[in-house]
């Protein structure tokens, strides 16, 4: 669990913001981890490796999450702890925050 993003999840859930998690894990592993860590009740949608054909750095995971949430990609922001994930966010036309060592360290705007 990334403490900075967990706190942010809690804040955004309290504001009734739609939240998705997009992960390269297979569904059964992702749900187990999210359940055990207490994150699952905070999210509306979970997109896993089982749900997309192409994985990060392709945008499919994030595009599917936006579609399932019913949110335009221009209103989405991604929090990512890998360069591949940041590439995928930009490929999906989404802004991205890079998380390093559990700290939100850098904002990377999608160049529109």
N, C-alpha and C. Protein backbone atom coordinates (compact mmCIF):
# COMPACT_ATOMS: atom_id res chain seq x y z
N UNK A 1 0.84 -1.18 0.00
CA UNK A 1 0.00 0.00 0.00
C UNK A 1 0.89 1.24 0.00
N UNK A 2 0.47 2.23 -0.75
CA UNK A 2 1.19 3.50 -0.81
C UNK A 2 0.45 4.50 0.08
N UNK A 3 1.04 4.86 1.23
CA UNK A 3 0.33 5.70 2.20
C UNK A 3 -0.25 6.99 1.62
N UNK A 4 0.51 7.70 0.81
CA UNK A 4 0.03 8.97 0.27
C UNK A 4 -1.22 8.77 -0.59
N UNK A 5 -1.24 7.72 -1.39
CA UNK A 5 -2.40 7.50 -2.24
C UNK A 5 -3.57 6.93 -1.45
N UNK A 6 -3.30 6.17 -0.38
CA UNK A 6 -4.39 5.66 0.44
C UNK A 6 -5.14 6.80 1.09
N UNK A 7 -4.41 7.77 1.63
CA UNK A 7 -5.05 8.96 2.23
C UNK A 7 -5.87 9.71 1.19
N UNK A 8 -5.32 9.84 0.00
CA UNK A 8 -6.02 10.52 -1.08
C UNK A 8 -7.30 9.76 -1.47
N UNK A 9 -7.22 8.45 -1.53
CA UNK A 9 -8.41 7.64 -1.82
C UNK A 9 -9.50 7.90 -0.79
N UNK A 10 -9.12 7.92 0.46
CA UNK A 10 -10.10 8.17 1.52
C UNK A 10 -10.75 9.54 1.37
N UNK A 11 -9.94 10.56 1.09
CA UNK A 11 -10.46 11.91 0.92
C UNK A 11 -11.42 11.99 -0.27
N UNK A 12 -11.02 11.41 -1.40
CA UNK A 12 -11.84 11.49 -2.60
C UNK A 12 -13.13 10.68 -2.46
N UNK A 13 -13.08 9.56 -1.78
CA UNK A 13 -14.28 8.76 -1.52
C UNK A 13 -15.28 9.57 -0.70
N UNK A 14 -14.77 10.30 0.30
CA UNK A 14 -15.64 11.14 1.14
C UNK A 14 -16.31 12.22 0.31
N UNK A 15 -15.66 12.65 -0.78
CA UNK A 15 -16.23 13.66 -1.67
C UNK A 15 -17.08 13.04 -2.79
N UNK A 16 -17.26 11.73 -2.73
CA UNK A 16 -18.06 10.98 -3.72
C UNK A 16 -17.50 11.06 -5.13
N UNK A 17 -16.18 11.15 -5.23
CA UNK A 17 -15.52 11.13 -6.54
C UNK A 17 -15.43 9.69 -7.03
N UNK A 18 -15.64 9.46 -8.32
CA UNK A 18 -15.50 8.10 -8.85
C UNK A 18 -14.02 7.70 -8.87
N UNK A 19 -13.74 6.48 -8.41
CA UNK A 19 -12.37 6.02 -8.27
C UNK A 19 -12.23 4.63 -8.90
N UNK A 20 -11.16 4.48 -9.67
CA UNK A 20 -10.84 3.17 -10.26
C UNK A 20 -9.41 2.81 -9.94
N UNK A 21 -9.15 1.53 -9.93
CA UNK A 21 -7.78 1.04 -9.86
C UNK A 21 -7.54 0.24 -11.13
N UNK A 22 -6.44 0.56 -11.80
CA UNK A 22 -6.02 -0.17 -12.98
C UNK A 22 -4.69 -0.84 -12.69
N UNK A 23 -4.67 -2.15 -12.76
CA UNK A 23 -3.47 -2.88 -12.38
C UNK A 23 -3.11 -3.95 -13.40
N UNK A 24 -1.85 -4.27 -13.45
CA UNK A 24 -1.38 -5.35 -14.31
C UNK A 24 -1.51 -6.71 -13.66
N UNK A 25 -1.98 -6.76 -12.42
CA UNK A 25 -2.20 -8.04 -11.73
C UNK A 25 -3.41 -8.75 -12.33
N UNK A 26 -3.42 -10.05 -12.17
CA UNK A 26 -4.62 -10.81 -12.54
C UNK A 26 -5.70 -10.57 -11.50
N UNK A 27 -6.95 -10.65 -11.92
CA UNK A 27 -8.10 -10.27 -11.08
C UNK A 27 -8.06 -10.91 -9.70
N UNK A 28 -7.88 -12.21 -9.61
CA UNK A 28 -7.97 -12.86 -8.29
C UNK A 28 -6.88 -12.35 -7.35
N UNK A 29 -5.69 -12.08 -7.86
CA UNK A 29 -4.62 -11.52 -7.02
C UNK A 29 -4.94 -10.08 -6.63
N UNK A 30 -5.40 -9.30 -7.59
CA UNK A 30 -5.70 -7.88 -7.31
C UNK A 30 -6.79 -7.76 -6.25
N UNK A 31 -7.86 -8.53 -6.40
CA UNK A 31 -8.96 -8.43 -5.43
C UNK A 31 -8.53 -8.89 -4.05
N UNK A 32 -7.69 -9.90 -4.00
CA UNK A 32 -7.18 -10.37 -2.71
C UNK A 32 -6.34 -9.29 -2.03
N UNK A 33 -5.45 -8.68 -2.79
CA UNK A 33 -4.58 -7.63 -2.24
C UNK A 33 -5.41 -6.42 -1.82
N UNK A 34 -6.34 -5.99 -2.66
CA UNK A 34 -7.15 -4.82 -2.36
C UNK A 34 -8.07 -5.06 -1.17
N UNK A 35 -8.58 -6.27 -1.04
CA UNK A 35 -9.42 -6.62 0.11
C UNK A 35 -8.62 -6.62 1.40
N UNK A 36 -7.50 -7.31 1.37
CA UNK A 36 -6.65 -7.44 2.56
C UNK A 36 -6.15 -6.08 3.04
N UNK A 37 -5.85 -5.19 2.10
CA UNK A 37 -5.29 -3.89 2.47
C UNK A 37 -6.37 -2.87 2.85
N UNK A 38 -7.63 -3.21 2.65
CA UNK A 38 -8.71 -2.29 3.00
C UNK A 38 -9.02 -1.27 1.93
N UNK A 39 -8.44 -1.42 0.75
CA UNK A 39 -8.65 -0.45 -0.33
C UNK A 39 -9.93 -0.74 -1.12
N UNK A 40 -10.30 -1.98 -1.25
CA UNK A 40 -11.42 -2.35 -2.12
C UNK A 40 -12.70 -1.56 -1.85
N UNK A 41 -13.09 -1.33 -0.59
CA UNK A 41 -14.32 -0.56 -0.36
C UNK A 41 -14.23 0.90 -0.83
N UNK A 42 -13.02 1.39 -1.10
CA UNK A 42 -12.84 2.78 -1.50
C UNK A 42 -12.94 3.00 -3.00
N UNK A 43 -12.99 1.92 -3.78
CA UNK A 43 -12.98 2.06 -5.23
C UNK A 43 -14.29 1.58 -5.85
N UNK A 44 -14.61 2.18 -6.98
CA UNK A 44 -15.84 1.83 -7.69
C UNK A 44 -15.60 0.78 -8.77
N UNK A 45 -14.39 0.78 -9.33
CA UNK A 45 -14.06 -0.08 -10.46
C UNK A 45 -12.63 -0.59 -10.29
N UNK A 46 -12.43 -1.87 -10.62
CA UNK A 46 -11.09 -2.44 -10.66
C UNK A 46 -10.89 -3.05 -12.04
N UNK A 47 -9.88 -2.57 -12.75
CA UNK A 47 -9.54 -3.10 -14.08
C UNK A 47 -8.21 -3.84 -13.92
N UNK A 48 -8.20 -5.11 -14.35
CA UNK A 48 -7.03 -5.96 -14.16
C UNK A 48 -6.51 -6.47 -15.50
N UNK A 49 -5.46 -7.24 -15.42
CA UNK A 49 -4.88 -7.85 -16.63
C UNK A 49 -5.89 -8.73 -17.35
N UNK A 50 -6.87 -9.26 -16.63
CA UNK A 50 -7.89 -10.09 -17.25
C UNK A 50 -8.87 -9.29 -18.11
N UNK A 51 -8.91 -7.98 -17.92
CA UNK A 51 -9.93 -7.15 -18.54
C UNK A 51 -9.50 -6.46 -19.83
N UNK A 52 -8.22 -6.52 -20.15
CA UNK A 52 -7.72 -5.84 -21.34
C UNK A 52 -6.82 -6.76 -22.15
N UNK A 53 -6.75 -6.48 -23.45
CA UNK A 53 -5.87 -7.26 -24.33
C UNK A 53 -4.43 -6.77 -24.24
N UNK A 54 -4.29 -5.44 -24.24
CA UNK A 54 -2.95 -4.85 -24.23
C UNK A 54 -2.70 -4.19 -22.88
N UNK A 55 -1.55 -4.45 -22.33
CA UNK A 55 -1.21 -3.97 -21.00
C UNK A 55 -0.30 -2.75 -21.09
N UNK A 56 -0.07 -2.11 -19.95
CA UNK A 56 0.81 -0.95 -19.89
C UNK A 56 2.13 -1.29 -20.57
N UNK A 57 2.64 -0.44 -21.42
CA UNK A 57 2.43 1.00 -21.56
C UNK A 57 1.28 1.39 -22.49
N UNK A 58 0.51 0.42 -22.98
CA UNK A 58 -0.66 0.76 -23.79
C UNK A 58 -1.73 1.36 -22.87
N UNK A 59 -2.63 2.17 -23.39
CA UNK A 59 -3.59 2.90 -22.56
C UNK A 59 -4.83 2.10 -22.15
N UNK A 60 -4.94 0.87 -22.62
CA UNK A 60 -6.19 0.12 -22.48
C UNK A 60 -6.72 0.03 -21.05
N UNK A 61 -5.85 -0.19 -20.08
CA UNK A 61 -6.29 -0.32 -18.69
C UNK A 61 -6.98 0.96 -18.23
N UNK A 62 -6.37 2.10 -18.49
CA UNK A 62 -6.93 3.37 -18.03
C UNK A 62 -8.16 3.77 -18.84
N UNK A 63 -8.15 3.48 -20.12
CA UNK A 63 -9.33 3.78 -20.95
C UNK A 63 -10.53 2.95 -20.50
N UNK A 64 -10.29 1.69 -20.16
CA UNK A 64 -11.38 0.83 -19.68
C UNK A 64 -11.90 1.33 -18.33
N UNK A 65 -11.00 1.76 -17.47
CA UNK A 65 -11.42 2.29 -16.17
C UNK A 65 -12.30 3.52 -16.36
N UNK A 66 -11.89 4.44 -17.22
CA UNK A 66 -12.70 5.64 -17.48
C UNK A 66 -14.06 5.27 -18.07
N UNK A 67 -14.05 4.33 -18.99
CA UNK A 67 -15.31 3.89 -19.61
C UNK A 67 -16.27 3.31 -18.55
N UNK A 68 -15.74 2.44 -17.70
CA UNK A 68 -16.58 1.82 -16.68
C UNK A 68 -17.09 2.82 -15.65
N UNK A 69 -16.29 3.84 -15.37
CA UNK A 69 -16.72 4.89 -14.45
C UNK A 69 -17.70 5.86 -15.10
N UNK A 70 -17.68 5.90 -16.45
CA UNK A 70 -18.51 6.88 -17.16
C UNK A 70 -17.93 8.28 -17.07
N UNK A 71 -16.60 8.37 -17.02
CA UNK A 71 -15.92 9.65 -16.87
C UNK A 71 -15.08 9.92 -18.12
N UNK A 72 -15.18 11.11 -18.71
CA UNK A 72 -14.33 11.43 -19.87
C UNK A 72 -12.85 11.38 -19.48
N UNK A 73 -12.02 10.93 -20.40
CA UNK A 73 -10.59 10.82 -20.09
C UNK A 73 -9.99 12.17 -19.70
N UNK A 74 -10.53 13.25 -20.23
CA UNK A 74 -10.00 14.57 -19.90
C UNK A 74 -10.25 14.95 -18.44
N UNK A 75 -11.12 14.20 -17.75
CA UNK A 75 -11.40 14.46 -16.34
C UNK A 75 -10.72 13.45 -15.42
N UNK A 76 -9.89 12.61 -15.99
CA UNK A 76 -9.21 11.57 -15.21
C UNK A 76 -7.78 11.99 -14.88
N UNK A 77 -7.33 11.53 -13.73
CA UNK A 77 -5.93 11.69 -13.35
C UNK A 77 -5.46 10.35 -12.80
N UNK A 78 -4.24 10.01 -13.14
CA UNK A 78 -3.67 8.72 -12.76
C UNK A 78 -2.57 8.93 -11.73
N UNK A 79 -2.51 8.04 -10.76
CA UNK A 79 -1.40 8.00 -9.81
C UNK A 79 -0.66 6.71 -10.11
N UNK A 80 0.61 6.83 -10.47
CA UNK A 80 1.39 5.69 -10.96
C UNK A 80 2.73 5.61 -10.26
N UNK A 81 3.17 4.38 -10.03
CA UNK A 81 4.48 4.20 -9.40
C UNK A 81 5.50 3.60 -10.37
N UNK A 82 5.16 3.56 -11.66
CA UNK A 82 6.11 3.05 -12.65
C UNK A 82 6.13 3.96 -13.88
N UNK A 83 7.26 3.94 -14.57
CA UNK A 83 7.36 4.71 -15.82
C UNK A 83 6.40 4.16 -16.87
N UNK A 84 6.27 2.83 -16.94
CA UNK A 84 5.34 2.23 -17.92
C UNK A 84 3.91 2.72 -17.67
N UNK A 85 3.53 2.81 -16.40
CA UNK A 85 2.21 3.30 -16.06
C UNK A 85 2.02 4.76 -16.45
N UNK A 86 3.04 5.57 -16.26
CA UNK A 86 2.96 6.98 -16.67
C UNK A 86 2.83 7.08 -18.19
N UNK A 87 3.55 6.25 -18.91
CA UNK A 87 3.42 6.21 -20.37
C UNK A 87 2.00 5.82 -20.76
N UNK A 88 1.44 4.85 -20.07
CA UNK A 88 0.08 4.40 -20.36
C UNK A 88 -0.93 5.51 -20.08
N UNK A 89 -0.73 6.25 -19.00
CA UNK A 89 -1.63 7.36 -18.67
C UNK A 89 -1.61 8.41 -19.77
N UNK A 90 -0.44 8.79 -20.23
CA UNK A 90 -0.33 9.78 -21.30
C UNK A 90 -0.87 9.23 -22.61
N UNK A 91 -0.68 7.94 -22.86
CA UNK A 91 -1.25 7.34 -24.07
C UNK A 91 -2.78 7.36 -24.03
N UNK A 92 -3.34 7.39 -22.81
CA UNK A 92 -4.79 7.48 -22.63
C UNK A 92 -5.27 8.93 -22.59
N UNK A 93 -4.35 9.89 -22.80
CA UNK A 93 -4.66 11.33 -22.75
C UNK A 93 -5.02 11.79 -21.35
N UNK A 94 -4.39 11.20 -20.34
CA UNK A 94 -4.67 11.54 -18.95
C UNK A 94 -3.44 12.13 -18.29
N UNK A 95 -3.68 13.08 -17.38
CA UNK A 95 -2.61 13.60 -16.54
C UNK A 95 -2.18 12.51 -15.57
N UNK A 96 -0.97 12.64 -15.04
CA UNK A 96 -0.44 11.58 -14.18
C UNK A 96 0.43 12.16 -13.08
N UNK A 97 0.29 11.61 -11.90
CA UNK A 97 1.20 11.88 -10.80
C UNK A 97 2.10 10.67 -10.64
N UNK A 98 3.38 10.90 -10.58
CA UNK A 98 4.33 9.83 -10.32
C UNK A 98 4.51 9.70 -8.82
N UNK A 99 4.42 8.48 -8.33
CA UNK A 99 4.58 8.18 -6.92
C UNK A 99 5.90 7.42 -6.76
N UNK A 100 6.80 7.98 -5.96
CA UNK A 100 8.10 7.34 -5.72
C UNK A 100 8.28 7.13 -4.22
N UNK A 101 8.65 5.91 -3.87
CA UNK A 101 8.90 5.58 -2.46
C UNK A 101 7.73 6.00 -1.56
N UNK A 102 6.51 5.78 -2.05
CA UNK A 102 5.33 6.07 -1.27
C UNK A 102 4.93 7.53 -1.20
N UNK A 103 5.64 8.39 -1.94
CA UNK A 103 5.36 9.83 -1.90
C UNK A 103 5.00 10.31 -3.30
N UNK A 104 3.95 11.11 -3.39
CA UNK A 104 3.58 11.71 -4.66
C UNK A 104 4.65 12.74 -4.98
N UNK A 105 5.44 12.45 -6.02
CA UNK A 105 6.65 13.24 -6.22
C UNK A 105 6.64 14.17 -7.42
N UNK A 106 5.82 13.87 -8.43
CA UNK A 106 5.91 14.67 -9.65
C UNK A 106 4.58 14.63 -10.40
N UNK A 107 4.15 15.80 -10.87
CA UNK A 107 2.97 15.89 -11.73
C UNK A 107 3.42 15.91 -13.18
N UNK A 108 2.83 15.04 -13.97
CA UNK A 108 3.16 14.99 -15.39
C UNK A 108 1.89 15.23 -16.20
N UNK A 109 1.75 16.44 -16.69
CA UNK A 109 0.56 16.81 -17.44
C UNK A 109 0.59 16.18 -18.82
N UNK A 110 -0.58 15.72 -19.28
CA UNK A 110 -0.71 15.26 -20.65
C UNK A 110 -0.73 16.51 -21.52
N UNK A 111 0.10 16.53 -22.54
CA UNK A 111 0.17 17.69 -23.44
C UNK A 111 -0.98 17.61 -24.45
N UNK A 112 -1.96 18.48 -24.25
CA UNK A 112 -3.13 18.48 -25.11
C UNK A 112 -2.88 19.33 -26.33
